[in-house]
Amino acid sequence: MENKRRRILFQGDSITDGNWGRNLDPNHILGHGYVYIIAAQLGTQYAESKPYFMNRGVSGNRVSDVYARWNEDAISLQPDLISLLVGVNDAHSIITGSARGATDRYERIYRQLLDETCEVLPDTGIVLCEPFVMHSEATEKDWSEWSSIIGEYRRIVRQLTEDYNTLFVPLQDTFNQAANRADTAYWVWDGIHPTTAGHQLIANEWLKVVQQSEYAIE
C-alpha cells in the first residue's frame, strides 16, 4: 500500500447513509453520521497520505438491495477497505409482513456478496459491523421478533467474520452498555437509528478495531 492513496468504502442502509450528498459538495459528501466522524478523525490524523473516504449507504436497503448495486457501488470503486453494516431492514421486512420479507435471504445473499468480493477484490480488506437494535417505543410492539431476528443476524455476521477472515465491529453490547449511562433514546432515538452520540459510539468501535488491524489507515 506504500505510495498509494488508501480508498475506504462504507456500505449499508440508513445508519450508514446519513443523508450523504449525491454530488461532489464536500460539505455533505459523506453524510452526517459515523462515516463522517471516522473520516474527519483519520483524515486529520493522516493528512499527509490523504486517505479517500466514500459513502454508498442507501436508506431502506436490505442486504439483497446492497448486493444488487454491488458492482456499481463497490467493485467498480476499487476500494482498499470495505465496511458493511446491514440487517435492520431485512428484519423490518419480515416483522411487518412485507412481500420483501417473504423469505429470509440475509445469510444466503451476504455470503454471495462476500464470495464475489473475495474473488474479484482479493487484496481488499473487509470490515463487518454487527447489526443492532434497542428496546424503545418504536420497537416495543414487536420486540420479541426484533430481538430474535437481529440476534440471529448478529450470530450470522460473527460466523461470516470467521469464515471469510474479515474484521468484526461489535455494536450491540456497546449500545447496551451505553444505555446504563443514559436512556436508550439518547443513543438510538427510535431503537434503530443512532443519534449524534450513538454515531460517535459506532465510530469509536470501528476505529478501535480497524486501527489495531493490518488494515489500519495511516
N, C-alpha and C. Protein backbone atom coordinates (compact mmCIF):
# COMPACT_ATOMS: atom_id res chain seq x y z
N MET A 1 0.81 -1.20 0.00
CA MET A 1 0.00 0.00 0.00
C MET A 1 0.86 1.28 0.00
N GLU A 2 2.18 1.16 0.00
CA GLU A 2 3.04 2.32 0.07
C GLU A 2 2.87 3.19 -1.17
N ASN A 3 2.92 4.52 -0.97
CA ASN A 3 2.81 5.50 -2.05
C ASN A 3 1.49 5.40 -2.79
N LYS A 4 0.47 4.86 -2.15
CA LYS A 4 -0.84 4.76 -2.77
C LYS A 4 -1.88 5.34 -1.83
N ARG A 5 -2.73 6.18 -2.37
CA ARG A 5 -3.78 6.78 -1.56
C ARG A 5 -4.82 5.72 -1.21
N ARG A 6 -5.04 5.51 0.07
CA ARG A 6 -5.98 4.48 0.51
C ARG A 6 -7.41 4.90 0.23
N ARG A 7 -8.22 3.96 -0.26
CA ARG A 7 -9.63 4.20 -0.58
C ARG A 7 -10.49 3.36 0.36
N ILE A 8 -11.29 4.02 1.16
CA ILE A 8 -12.10 3.34 2.18
C ILE A 8 -13.57 3.55 1.86
N LEU A 9 -14.30 2.45 1.68
CA LEU A 9 -15.71 2.49 1.29
C LEU A 9 -16.60 2.03 2.43
N PHE A 10 -17.65 2.79 2.71
CA PHE A 10 -18.66 2.43 3.69
C PHE A 10 -19.96 2.09 2.97
N GLN A 11 -20.54 0.94 3.32
CA GLN A 11 -21.75 0.46 2.69
C GLN A 11 -22.79 0.09 3.73
N GLY A 12 -24.06 0.11 3.32
CA GLY A 12 -25.11 -0.30 4.24
C GLY A 12 -26.43 0.38 3.97
N ASP A 13 -27.20 0.59 5.05
CA ASP A 13 -28.54 1.15 4.96
C ASP A 13 -28.56 2.58 5.49
N SER A 14 -29.68 3.01 6.07
CA SER A 14 -29.82 4.39 6.51
C SER A 14 -28.83 4.78 7.61
N ILE A 15 -28.44 3.83 8.43
CA ILE A 15 -27.49 4.13 9.51
C ILE A 15 -26.17 4.61 8.92
N THR A 16 -25.78 4.02 7.81
CA THR A 16 -24.57 4.43 7.10
C THR A 16 -24.84 5.63 6.20
N ASP A 17 -25.97 5.61 5.52
CA ASP A 17 -26.34 6.67 4.59
C ASP A 17 -26.13 8.06 5.20
N GLY A 18 -26.78 8.33 6.32
CA GLY A 18 -26.59 9.61 6.99
C GLY A 18 -26.90 10.80 6.10
N ASN A 19 -27.75 10.59 5.08
CA ASN A 19 -28.14 11.67 4.15
C ASN A 19 -26.92 12.23 3.41
N TRP A 20 -26.04 11.32 2.98
CA TRP A 20 -24.85 11.78 2.26
C TRP A 20 -25.24 12.41 0.92
N GLY A 21 -24.50 13.44 0.54
CA GLY A 21 -24.80 14.15 -0.69
C GLY A 21 -24.49 13.33 -1.92
N ARG A 22 -25.43 13.33 -2.86
CA ARG A 22 -25.22 12.58 -4.10
C ARG A 22 -24.56 13.47 -5.15
N ASN A 23 -23.71 14.37 -4.72
CA ASN A 23 -22.95 15.22 -5.63
C ASN A 23 -21.55 15.39 -5.04
N LEU A 24 -20.80 16.33 -5.54
CA LEU A 24 -19.41 16.49 -5.11
C LEU A 24 -19.24 17.57 -4.05
N ASP A 25 -20.32 18.03 -3.46
CA ASP A 25 -20.23 19.04 -2.41
C ASP A 25 -19.51 18.45 -1.20
N PRO A 26 -18.29 18.91 -0.91
CA PRO A 26 -17.51 18.31 0.19
C PRO A 26 -18.12 18.52 1.57
N ASN A 27 -19.07 19.45 1.69
CA ASN A 27 -19.72 19.67 2.99
C ASN A 27 -20.61 18.50 3.39
N HIS A 28 -21.14 17.80 2.38
CA HIS A 28 -22.14 16.78 2.66
C HIS A 28 -21.86 15.42 2.04
N ILE A 29 -20.75 15.28 1.35
CA ILE A 29 -20.50 14.08 0.55
C ILE A 29 -20.47 12.80 1.38
N LEU A 30 -20.13 12.88 2.66
CA LEU A 30 -20.06 11.67 3.48
C LEU A 30 -21.26 11.50 4.41
N GLY A 31 -22.21 12.44 4.35
CA GLY A 31 -23.35 12.34 5.25
C GLY A 31 -23.02 12.88 6.62
N HIS A 32 -23.93 12.67 7.57
CA HIS A 32 -23.76 13.23 8.91
C HIS A 32 -23.94 12.15 9.96
N GLY A 33 -23.08 11.16 9.90
CA GLY A 33 -23.13 10.05 10.84
C GLY A 33 -21.74 9.53 11.14
N TYR A 34 -21.67 8.25 11.48
CA TYR A 34 -20.38 7.68 11.89
C TYR A 34 -19.33 7.72 10.80
N VAL A 35 -19.75 7.66 9.54
CA VAL A 35 -18.79 7.73 8.43
C VAL A 35 -18.08 9.07 8.45
N TYR A 36 -18.83 10.13 8.64
CA TYR A 36 -18.27 11.48 8.70
C TYR A 36 -17.28 11.61 9.86
N ILE A 37 -17.66 11.05 11.01
CA ILE A 37 -16.80 11.14 12.19
C ILE A 37 -15.49 10.40 11.97
N ILE A 38 -15.56 9.21 11.41
CA ILE A 38 -14.36 8.42 11.14
C ILE A 38 -13.46 9.13 10.14
N ALA A 39 -14.06 9.62 9.06
CA ALA A 39 -13.29 10.30 8.02
C ALA A 39 -12.64 11.57 8.55
N ALA A 40 -13.36 12.28 9.41
CA ALA A 40 -12.82 13.52 9.97
C ALA A 40 -11.59 13.23 10.82
N GLN A 41 -11.69 12.21 11.66
CA GLN A 41 -10.58 11.90 12.56
C GLN A 41 -9.36 11.37 11.81
N LEU A 42 -9.60 10.38 10.94
CA LEU A 42 -8.47 9.79 10.22
C LEU A 42 -7.91 10.73 9.16
N GLY A 43 -8.81 11.50 8.55
CA GLY A 43 -8.36 12.45 7.53
C GLY A 43 -7.46 13.52 8.11
N THR A 44 -7.75 13.93 9.33
CA THR A 44 -6.91 14.92 10.01
C THR A 44 -5.60 14.30 10.48
N GLN A 45 -5.73 13.12 11.08
CA GLN A 45 -4.56 12.47 11.66
C GLN A 45 -3.54 12.06 10.60
N TYR A 46 -4.04 11.67 9.42
CA TYR A 46 -3.14 11.19 8.36
C TYR A 46 -3.26 12.03 7.10
N ALA A 47 -3.30 13.35 7.30
CA ALA A 47 -3.46 14.26 6.18
C ALA A 47 -2.38 14.10 5.11
N GLU A 48 -1.19 13.75 5.53
CA GLU A 48 -0.08 13.62 4.57
C GLU A 48 -0.37 12.55 3.52
N SER A 49 -1.05 11.48 3.90
CA SER A 49 -1.33 10.40 2.95
C SER A 49 -2.70 10.56 2.28
N LYS A 50 -3.49 11.55 2.72
CA LYS A 50 -4.78 11.88 2.11
C LYS A 50 -5.69 10.67 1.87
N PRO A 51 -6.05 9.93 2.90
CA PRO A 51 -6.97 8.79 2.70
C PRO A 51 -8.28 9.28 2.09
N TYR A 52 -8.86 8.49 1.22
CA TYR A 52 -10.07 8.88 0.48
C TYR A 52 -11.25 8.05 0.96
N PHE A 53 -12.25 8.71 1.53
CA PHE A 53 -13.40 8.02 2.11
C PHE A 53 -14.62 8.15 1.19
N MET A 54 -15.36 7.04 1.05
CA MET A 54 -16.55 7.02 0.20
C MET A 54 -17.73 6.44 0.98
N ASN A 55 -18.88 7.07 0.86
CA ASN A 55 -20.10 6.56 1.48
C ASN A 55 -21.08 6.18 0.38
N ARG A 56 -21.53 4.94 0.39
CA ARG A 56 -22.53 4.49 -0.57
C ARG A 56 -23.70 3.79 0.14
N GLY A 57 -23.90 4.13 1.41
CA GLY A 57 -25.05 3.58 2.12
C GLY A 57 -26.34 4.13 1.52
N VAL A 58 -27.39 3.31 1.51
CA VAL A 58 -28.68 3.74 0.96
C VAL A 58 -29.79 3.38 1.94
N SER A 59 -30.51 4.39 2.37
CA SER A 59 -31.59 4.20 3.33
C SER A 59 -32.61 3.19 2.82
N GLY A 60 -33.03 2.29 3.70
CA GLY A 60 -34.04 1.29 3.35
C GLY A 60 -33.49 0.01 2.77
N ASN A 61 -32.19 -0.04 2.53
CA ASN A 61 -31.61 -1.23 1.89
C ASN A 61 -31.56 -2.45 2.79
N ARG A 62 -31.91 -3.60 2.21
CA ARG A 62 -31.62 -4.90 2.81
C ARG A 62 -30.30 -5.38 2.22
N VAL A 63 -29.80 -6.50 2.69
CA VAL A 63 -28.54 -6.99 2.14
C VAL A 63 -28.70 -7.33 0.67
N SER A 64 -29.88 -7.78 0.25
CA SER A 64 -30.09 -8.09 -1.16
C SER A 64 -30.09 -6.83 -2.02
N ASP A 65 -30.55 -5.70 -1.46
CA ASP A 65 -30.50 -4.43 -2.19
C ASP A 65 -29.07 -3.96 -2.35
N VAL A 66 -28.30 -4.12 -1.29
CA VAL A 66 -26.88 -3.75 -1.34
C VAL A 66 -26.18 -4.59 -2.41
N TYR A 67 -26.46 -5.88 -2.42
CA TYR A 67 -25.83 -6.77 -3.39
C TYR A 67 -26.23 -6.41 -4.83
N ALA A 68 -27.48 -5.98 -5.01
CA ALA A 68 -27.97 -5.65 -6.35
C ALA A 68 -27.18 -4.49 -6.97
N ARG A 69 -26.62 -3.62 -6.15
CA ARG A 69 -25.85 -2.48 -6.67
C ARG A 69 -24.36 -2.62 -6.37
N TRP A 70 -23.92 -3.81 -6.01
CA TRP A 70 -22.55 -4.03 -5.57
C TRP A 70 -21.52 -3.73 -6.66
N ASN A 71 -21.81 -4.05 -7.90
CA ASN A 71 -20.86 -3.76 -8.98
C ASN A 71 -20.59 -2.26 -9.09
N GLU A 72 -21.68 -1.48 -9.13
CA GLU A 72 -21.54 -0.04 -9.29
C GLU A 72 -21.00 0.64 -8.04
N ASP A 73 -21.49 0.21 -6.88
CA ASP A 73 -21.22 0.93 -5.64
C ASP A 73 -20.15 0.28 -4.75
N ALA A 74 -19.45 -0.70 -5.27
CA ALA A 74 -18.36 -1.30 -4.51
C ALA A 74 -17.24 -1.76 -5.44
N ILE A 75 -17.50 -2.79 -6.24
CA ILE A 75 -16.44 -3.38 -7.07
C ILE A 75 -15.78 -2.35 -7.97
N SER A 76 -16.59 -1.56 -8.68
CA SER A 76 -16.04 -0.61 -9.64
C SER A 76 -15.24 0.51 -8.99
N LEU A 77 -15.47 0.73 -7.69
CA LEU A 77 -14.77 1.80 -6.97
C LEU A 77 -13.37 1.38 -6.53
N GLN A 78 -13.09 0.08 -6.64
CA GLN A 78 -11.76 -0.45 -6.32
C GLN A 78 -11.25 0.01 -4.95
N PRO A 79 -12.04 -0.22 -3.90
CA PRO A 79 -11.60 0.21 -2.57
C PRO A 79 -10.52 -0.70 -2.01
N ASP A 80 -9.72 -0.13 -1.11
CA ASP A 80 -8.72 -0.92 -0.39
C ASP A 80 -9.33 -1.55 0.85
N LEU A 81 -10.43 -0.92 1.34
CA LEU A 81 -11.11 -1.41 2.52
C LEU A 81 -12.60 -1.16 2.37
N ILE A 82 -13.42 -2.19 2.64
CA ILE A 82 -14.87 -2.07 2.58
C ILE A 82 -15.45 -2.33 3.96
N SER A 83 -16.31 -1.43 4.42
CA SER A 83 -17.00 -1.60 5.69
C SER A 83 -18.49 -1.74 5.41
N LEU A 84 -19.14 -2.75 6.01
CA LEU A 84 -20.55 -3.01 5.74
C LEU A 84 -21.34 -3.18 7.03
N LEU A 85 -22.44 -2.43 7.14
CA LEU A 85 -23.38 -2.56 8.25
C LEU A 85 -24.77 -2.66 7.65
N VAL A 86 -25.42 -3.83 7.79
CA VAL A 86 -26.73 -4.04 7.19
C VAL A 86 -27.48 -5.12 7.96
N GLY A 87 -28.80 -5.04 7.94
CA GLY A 87 -29.59 -6.08 8.61
C GLY A 87 -30.93 -5.60 9.12
N VAL A 88 -31.02 -4.36 9.56
CA VAL A 88 -32.25 -3.89 10.21
C VAL A 88 -33.43 -3.89 9.24
N ASN A 89 -33.20 -3.60 7.96
CA ASN A 89 -34.32 -3.58 7.01
C ASN A 89 -34.74 -4.98 6.59
N ASP A 90 -33.80 -5.92 6.62
CA ASP A 90 -34.18 -7.33 6.40
C ASP A 90 -35.14 -7.75 7.50
N ALA A 91 -34.79 -7.41 8.74
CA ALA A 91 -35.65 -7.77 9.87
C ALA A 91 -36.99 -7.05 9.79
N HIS A 92 -36.97 -5.77 9.46
CA HIS A 92 -38.20 -4.97 9.39
C HIS A 92 -39.16 -5.53 8.35
N SER A 93 -38.62 -5.97 7.21
CA SER A 93 -39.47 -6.54 6.15
C SER A 93 -40.19 -7.79 6.61
N ILE A 94 -39.49 -8.60 7.40
CA ILE A 94 -40.10 -9.83 7.92
C ILE A 94 -41.13 -9.51 8.98
N ILE A 95 -40.79 -8.64 9.90
CA ILE A 95 -41.68 -8.30 11.02
C ILE A 95 -42.97 -7.65 10.56
N THR A 96 -42.89 -6.80 9.54
CA THR A 96 -44.08 -6.10 9.05
C THR A 96 -44.88 -6.91 8.05
N GLY A 97 -44.38 -8.08 7.68
CA GLY A 97 -45.10 -8.93 6.73
C GLY A 97 -45.02 -8.43 5.30
N SER A 98 -44.01 -7.62 5.02
CA SER A 98 -43.82 -7.09 3.67
C SER A 98 -43.49 -8.22 2.69
N ALA A 99 -43.91 -8.04 1.44
CA ALA A 99 -43.57 -9.03 0.41
C ALA A 99 -42.06 -9.15 0.26
N ARG A 100 -41.35 -8.10 0.59
CA ARG A 100 -39.89 -8.13 0.50
C ARG A 100 -39.29 -9.10 1.52
N GLY A 101 -40.06 -9.40 2.55
CA GLY A 101 -39.56 -10.30 3.58
C GLY A 101 -40.22 -11.67 3.55
N ALA A 102 -40.74 -12.06 2.39
CA ALA A 102 -41.41 -13.35 2.27
C ALA A 102 -40.48 -14.51 2.61
N THR A 103 -39.21 -14.36 2.27
CA THR A 103 -38.20 -15.33 2.69
C THR A 103 -37.03 -14.55 3.27
N ASP A 104 -36.35 -15.15 4.21
CA ASP A 104 -35.21 -14.50 4.85
C ASP A 104 -33.94 -14.88 4.08
N ARG A 105 -33.42 -13.94 3.32
CA ARG A 105 -32.25 -14.20 2.48
C ARG A 105 -30.96 -13.61 3.05
N TYR A 106 -31.02 -13.22 4.31
CA TYR A 106 -29.91 -12.48 4.88
C TYR A 106 -28.58 -13.22 4.75
N GLU A 107 -28.49 -14.43 5.27
CA GLU A 107 -27.21 -15.14 5.23
C GLU A 107 -26.85 -15.55 3.81
N ARG A 108 -27.82 -16.02 3.06
CA ARG A 108 -27.55 -16.51 1.70
C ARG A 108 -26.95 -15.41 0.82
N ILE A 109 -27.58 -14.23 0.83
CA ILE A 109 -27.10 -13.15 -0.02
C ILE A 109 -25.81 -12.55 0.53
N TYR A 110 -25.71 -12.48 1.85
CA TYR A 110 -24.50 -11.95 2.46
C TYR A 110 -23.29 -12.79 2.04
N ARG A 111 -23.46 -14.10 2.07
CA ARG A 111 -22.36 -14.98 1.66
C ARG A 111 -22.05 -14.81 0.18
N GLN A 112 -23.07 -14.65 -0.62
CA GLN A 112 -22.85 -14.46 -2.06
C GLN A 112 -22.07 -13.17 -2.30
N LEU A 113 -22.42 -12.12 -1.57
CA LEU A 113 -21.73 -10.84 -1.69
C LEU A 113 -20.26 -10.99 -1.30
N LEU A 114 -20.02 -11.68 -0.21
CA LEU A 114 -18.63 -11.86 0.25
C LEU A 114 -17.84 -12.77 -0.68
N ASP A 115 -18.48 -13.82 -1.18
CA ASP A 115 -17.80 -14.71 -2.12
C ASP A 115 -17.30 -13.93 -3.33
N GLU A 116 -18.19 -13.13 -3.88
CA GLU A 116 -17.85 -12.37 -5.08
C GLU A 116 -16.77 -11.33 -4.79
N THR A 117 -16.87 -10.68 -3.65
CA THR A 117 -15.89 -9.65 -3.29
C THR A 117 -14.51 -10.26 -3.11
N CYS A 118 -14.44 -11.37 -2.42
CA CYS A 118 -13.14 -12.03 -2.19
C CYS A 118 -12.54 -12.53 -3.49
N GLU A 119 -13.39 -12.91 -4.44
CA GLU A 119 -12.90 -13.39 -5.72
C GLU A 119 -12.38 -12.25 -6.59
N VAL A 120 -13.15 -11.16 -6.66
CA VAL A 120 -12.82 -10.06 -7.56
C VAL A 120 -11.84 -9.07 -6.95
N LEU A 121 -11.92 -8.89 -5.63
CA LEU A 121 -11.02 -7.95 -4.93
C LEU A 121 -10.27 -8.69 -3.82
N PRO A 122 -9.41 -9.62 -4.18
CA PRO A 122 -8.75 -10.47 -3.17
C PRO A 122 -7.86 -9.72 -2.20
N ASP A 123 -7.40 -8.53 -2.57
CA ASP A 123 -6.50 -7.78 -1.69
C ASP A 123 -7.22 -6.72 -0.87
N THR A 124 -8.53 -6.64 -1.02
CA THR A 124 -9.31 -5.63 -0.31
C THR A 124 -9.71 -6.14 1.07
N GLY A 125 -9.46 -5.32 2.07
CA GLY A 125 -9.87 -5.69 3.42
C GLY A 125 -11.37 -5.50 3.60
N ILE A 126 -11.97 -6.30 4.48
CA ILE A 126 -13.41 -6.23 4.71
C ILE A 126 -13.68 -6.09 6.21
N VAL A 127 -14.57 -5.16 6.53
CA VAL A 127 -14.99 -4.92 7.91
C VAL A 127 -16.49 -5.18 8.00
N LEU A 128 -16.90 -6.12 8.82
CA LEU A 128 -18.32 -6.40 9.01
C LEU A 128 -18.76 -5.84 10.35
N CYS A 129 -19.74 -4.95 10.32
CA CYS A 129 -20.25 -4.34 11.54
C CYS A 129 -21.49 -5.10 12.01
N GLU A 130 -21.57 -5.31 13.30
CA GLU A 130 -22.66 -6.09 13.88
C GLU A 130 -23.98 -5.32 13.85
N PRO A 131 -25.04 -5.91 13.29
CA PRO A 131 -26.34 -5.25 13.35
C PRO A 131 -26.83 -5.18 14.79
N PHE A 132 -27.63 -4.17 15.10
CA PHE A 132 -28.07 -3.98 16.49
C PHE A 132 -29.49 -3.40 16.49
N VAL A 133 -30.16 -3.55 17.62
CA VAL A 133 -31.48 -2.95 17.82
C VAL A 133 -31.65 -2.72 19.31
N MET A 134 -32.38 -1.67 19.67
CA MET A 134 -32.60 -1.36 21.06
C MET A 134 -34.10 -1.32 21.37
N HIS A 135 -34.44 -1.63 22.61
CA HIS A 135 -35.83 -1.65 23.06
C HIS A 135 -36.30 -0.20 23.23
N SER A 136 -37.30 0.19 22.48
CA SER A 136 -37.82 1.55 22.55
C SER A 136 -39.31 1.54 22.23
N GLU A 137 -39.92 2.72 22.23
CA GLU A 137 -41.34 2.79 21.88
C GLU A 137 -41.59 2.28 20.47
N ALA A 138 -40.66 2.55 19.56
CA ALA A 138 -40.82 2.15 18.17
C ALA A 138 -40.72 0.64 17.98
N THR A 139 -39.94 -0.03 18.82
CA THR A 139 -39.75 -1.47 18.66
C THR A 139 -40.51 -2.28 19.72
N GLU A 140 -41.20 -1.60 20.62
CA GLU A 140 -41.89 -2.24 21.74
C GLU A 140 -42.90 -3.29 21.28
N LYS A 141 -43.74 -2.93 20.31
CA LYS A 141 -44.84 -3.79 19.89
C LYS A 141 -44.34 -5.17 19.42
N ASP A 142 -43.28 -5.19 18.68
CA ASP A 142 -42.76 -6.45 18.13
C ASP A 142 -41.38 -6.77 18.68
N TRP A 143 -41.15 -6.40 19.94
CA TRP A 143 -39.81 -6.52 20.49
C TRP A 143 -39.27 -7.95 20.46
N SER A 144 -40.09 -8.92 20.76
CA SER A 144 -39.59 -10.30 20.79
C SER A 144 -39.09 -10.71 19.41
N GLU A 145 -39.77 -10.28 18.36
CA GLU A 145 -39.33 -10.61 17.00
C GLU A 145 -38.06 -9.84 16.64
N TRP A 146 -38.05 -8.55 16.96
CA TRP A 146 -36.84 -7.77 16.70
C TRP A 146 -35.63 -8.39 17.38
N SER A 147 -35.79 -8.70 18.65
CA SER A 147 -34.69 -9.26 19.42
C SER A 147 -34.23 -10.60 18.85
N SER A 148 -35.18 -11.42 18.45
CA SER A 148 -34.85 -12.74 17.93
C SER A 148 -34.16 -12.67 16.57
N ILE A 149 -34.72 -11.89 15.67
CA ILE A 149 -34.16 -11.82 14.31
C ILE A 149 -32.80 -11.14 14.30
N ILE A 150 -32.70 -10.00 14.96
CA ILE A 150 -31.40 -9.31 14.99
C ILE A 150 -30.37 -10.15 15.75
N GLY A 151 -30.82 -10.86 16.77
CA GLY A 151 -29.92 -11.75 17.48
C GLY A 151 -29.35 -12.82 16.56
N GLU A 152 -30.20 -13.36 15.68
CA GLU A 152 -29.75 -14.36 14.72
C GLU A 152 -28.80 -13.72 13.69
N TYR A 153 -29.11 -12.52 13.26
CA TYR A 153 -28.24 -11.83 12.30
C TYR A 153 -26.87 -11.54 12.92
N ARG A 154 -26.88 -11.22 14.20
CA ARG A 154 -25.61 -10.99 14.88
C ARG A 154 -24.77 -12.27 14.87
N ARG A 155 -25.42 -13.40 15.14
CA ARG A 155 -24.72 -14.69 15.12
C ARG A 155 -24.16 -14.97 13.73
N ILE A 156 -24.97 -14.68 12.70
CA ILE A 156 -24.55 -14.92 11.33
C ILE A 156 -23.33 -14.08 10.97
N VAL A 157 -23.36 -12.80 11.32
CA VAL A 157 -22.25 -11.93 10.97
C VAL A 157 -20.97 -12.36 11.68
N ARG A 158 -21.09 -12.77 12.94
CA ARG A 158 -19.92 -13.28 13.65
C ARG A 158 -19.35 -14.51 12.94
N GLN A 159 -20.23 -15.38 12.48
CA GLN A 159 -19.77 -16.57 11.77
C GLN A 159 -19.12 -16.20 10.45
N LEU A 160 -19.67 -15.21 9.76
CA LEU A 160 -19.11 -14.78 8.49
C LEU A 160 -17.71 -14.20 8.67
N THR A 161 -17.49 -13.50 9.78
CA THR A 161 -16.16 -12.94 10.01
C THR A 161 -15.12 -14.05 10.15
N GLU A 162 -15.54 -15.17 10.71
CA GLU A 162 -14.63 -16.31 10.84
C GLU A 162 -14.43 -17.01 9.50
N ASP A 163 -15.54 -17.22 8.79
CA ASP A 163 -15.47 -17.95 7.53
C ASP A 163 -14.71 -17.20 6.44
N TYR A 164 -14.78 -15.88 6.47
CA TYR A 164 -14.15 -15.08 5.42
C TYR A 164 -12.95 -14.28 5.92
N ASN A 165 -12.58 -14.51 7.17
CA ASN A 165 -11.41 -13.85 7.75
C ASN A 165 -11.48 -12.33 7.62
N THR A 166 -12.61 -11.77 8.04
CA THR A 166 -12.79 -10.32 7.99
C THR A 166 -12.63 -9.73 9.39
N LEU A 167 -12.62 -8.41 9.46
CA LEU A 167 -12.66 -7.73 10.75
C LEU A 167 -14.11 -7.68 11.22
N PHE A 168 -14.32 -7.60 12.53
CA PHE A 168 -15.66 -7.57 13.11
C PHE A 168 -15.76 -6.43 14.10
N VAL A 169 -16.77 -5.59 13.92
CA VAL A 169 -17.00 -4.46 14.83
C VAL A 169 -18.23 -4.77 15.68
N PRO A 170 -18.07 -5.07 16.96
CA PRO A 170 -19.21 -5.37 17.84
C PRO A 170 -19.95 -4.09 18.22
N LEU A 171 -21.27 -4.11 18.07
CA LEU A 171 -22.05 -2.91 18.36
C LEU A 171 -23.17 -3.11 19.36
N GLN A 172 -23.77 -4.29 19.41
CA GLN A 172 -24.91 -4.48 20.31
C GLN A 172 -24.52 -4.27 21.77
N ASP A 173 -23.46 -4.90 22.21
CA ASP A 173 -23.02 -4.73 23.60
C ASP A 173 -22.59 -3.29 23.88
N THR A 174 -22.05 -2.65 22.86
CA THR A 174 -21.63 -1.25 23.01
C THR A 174 -22.83 -0.38 23.36
N PHE A 175 -23.93 -0.56 22.63
CA PHE A 175 -25.13 0.23 22.90
C PHE A 175 -25.81 -0.20 24.20
N ASN A 176 -25.78 -1.50 24.48
CA ASN A 176 -26.37 -1.97 25.74
C ASN A 176 -25.66 -1.34 26.93
N GLN A 177 -24.35 -1.29 26.87
CA GLN A 177 -23.57 -0.70 27.96
C GLN A 177 -23.80 0.81 28.04
N ALA A 178 -23.92 1.45 26.90
CA ALA A 178 -24.16 2.89 26.89
C ALA A 178 -25.50 3.23 27.53
N ALA A 179 -26.47 2.33 27.40
CA ALA A 179 -27.79 2.56 27.97
C ALA A 179 -27.76 2.58 29.49
N ASN A 180 -26.66 2.16 30.08
CA ASN A 180 -26.50 2.26 31.53
C ASN A 180 -26.09 3.67 31.93
N ARG A 181 -25.61 4.44 30.99
CA ARG A 181 -25.18 5.80 31.26
C ARG A 181 -26.28 6.82 31.02
N ALA A 182 -27.09 6.57 30.00
CA ALA A 182 -28.21 7.45 29.65
C ALA A 182 -29.28 6.58 29.02
N ASP A 183 -30.52 7.07 28.97
CA ASP A 183 -31.61 6.26 28.43
C ASP A 183 -31.36 5.89 26.97
N THR A 184 -32.02 4.84 26.53
CA THR A 184 -31.82 4.30 25.18
C THR A 184 -31.98 5.37 24.10
N ALA A 185 -33.02 6.19 24.22
CA ALA A 185 -33.30 7.20 23.21
C ALA A 185 -32.16 8.21 23.05
N TYR A 186 -31.35 8.36 24.07
CA TYR A 186 -30.21 9.28 23.99
C TYR A 186 -29.21 8.79 22.95
N TRP A 187 -29.13 7.48 22.79
CA TRP A 187 -28.16 6.87 21.87
C TRP A 187 -28.79 6.43 20.55
N VAL A 188 -30.00 5.88 20.63
CA VAL A 188 -30.69 5.36 19.44
C VAL A 188 -32.14 5.84 19.56
N TRP A 189 -32.48 6.89 18.89
CA TRP A 189 -33.71 7.62 19.19
C TRP A 189 -34.99 6.80 18.97
N ASP A 190 -34.96 5.86 18.02
CA ASP A 190 -36.15 5.03 17.77
C ASP A 190 -35.86 3.55 17.92
N GLY A 191 -34.76 3.22 18.56
CA GLY A 191 -34.38 1.82 18.73
C GLY A 191 -33.57 1.28 17.57
N ILE A 192 -33.52 2.05 16.47
CA ILE A 192 -32.85 1.60 15.24
C ILE A 192 -31.81 2.60 14.76
N HIS A 193 -32.19 3.88 14.71
CA HIS A 193 -31.31 4.91 14.16
C HIS A 193 -30.58 5.67 15.26
N PRO A 194 -29.26 5.72 15.19
CA PRO A 194 -28.48 6.40 16.24
C PRO A 194 -28.66 7.91 16.21
N THR A 195 -28.49 8.50 17.37
CA THR A 195 -28.38 9.95 17.50
C THR A 195 -26.93 10.34 17.22
N THR A 196 -26.62 11.61 17.37
CA THR A 196 -25.23 12.03 17.20
C THR A 196 -24.30 11.26 18.14
N ALA A 197 -24.73 11.13 19.40
CA ALA A 197 -23.92 10.39 20.38
C ALA A 197 -23.80 8.93 19.98
N GLY A 198 -24.88 8.36 19.45
CA GLY A 198 -24.85 6.97 19.01
C GLY A 198 -23.90 6.75 17.86
N HIS A 199 -23.87 7.68 16.93
CA HIS A 199 -22.94 7.57 15.80
C HIS A 199 -21.49 7.65 16.29
N GLN A 200 -21.27 8.45 17.33
CA GLN A 200 -19.92 8.51 17.89
C GLN A 200 -19.52 7.16 18.48
N LEU A 201 -20.47 6.47 19.10
CA LEU A 201 -20.19 5.13 19.64
C LEU A 201 -19.75 4.18 18.54
N ILE A 202 -20.48 4.21 17.42
CA ILE A 202 -20.12 3.34 16.29
C ILE A 202 -18.73 3.68 15.78
N ALA A 203 -18.48 4.97 15.61
CA ALA A 203 -17.17 5.41 15.13
C ALA A 203 -16.06 4.96 16.07
N ASN A 204 -16.29 5.08 17.38
CA ASN A 204 -15.27 4.66 18.36
C ASN A 204 -14.93 3.19 18.21
N GLU A 205 -15.97 2.35 18.10
CA GLU A 205 -15.75 0.90 17.98
C GLU A 205 -15.06 0.56 16.67
N TRP A 206 -15.48 1.21 15.60
CA TRP A 206 -14.88 0.96 14.28
C TRP A 206 -13.39 1.29 14.31
N LEU A 207 -13.08 2.45 14.83
CA LEU A 207 -11.68 2.88 14.89
C LEU A 207 -10.85 1.96 15.77
N LYS A 208 -11.44 1.53 16.87
CA LYS A 208 -10.73 0.64 17.79
C LYS A 208 -10.33 -0.66 17.08
N VAL A 209 -11.25 -1.21 16.30
CA VAL A 209 -11.00 -2.48 15.61
C VAL A 209 -10.05 -2.29 14.43
N VAL A 210 -10.40 -1.37 13.56
CA VAL A 210 -9.64 -1.20 12.30
C VAL A 210 -8.24 -0.69 12.54
N GLN A 211 -8.08 0.26 13.43
CA GLN A 211 -6.77 0.87 13.61
C GLN A 211 -5.80 -0.01 14.39
N GLN A 212 -6.28 -1.14 14.88
CA GLN A 212 -5.40 -2.10 15.52
C GLN A 212 -5.22 -3.35 14.66
N SER A 213 -5.58 -3.21 13.38
CA SER A 213 -5.52 -4.35 12.47
C SER A 213 -4.50 -4.11 11.36
N GLU A 214 -4.34 -5.10 10.51
CA GLU A 214 -3.43 -4.97 9.38
C GLU A 214 -3.95 -3.97 8.34
N TYR A 215 -5.23 -3.60 8.46
CA TYR A 215 -5.83 -2.67 7.52
C TYR A 215 -5.87 -1.24 8.05
N ALA A 216 -5.15 -0.96 9.10
CA ALA A 216 -5.16 0.36 9.71
C ALA A 216 -4.86 1.45 8.68
N ILE A 217 -5.63 2.53 8.78
CA ILE A 217 -5.43 3.67 7.90
C ILE A 217 -4.28 4.51 8.48
N GLU A 218 -3.33 4.84 7.65
CA GLU A 218 -2.20 5.64 8.14
C GLU A 218 -1.58 6.42 7.02
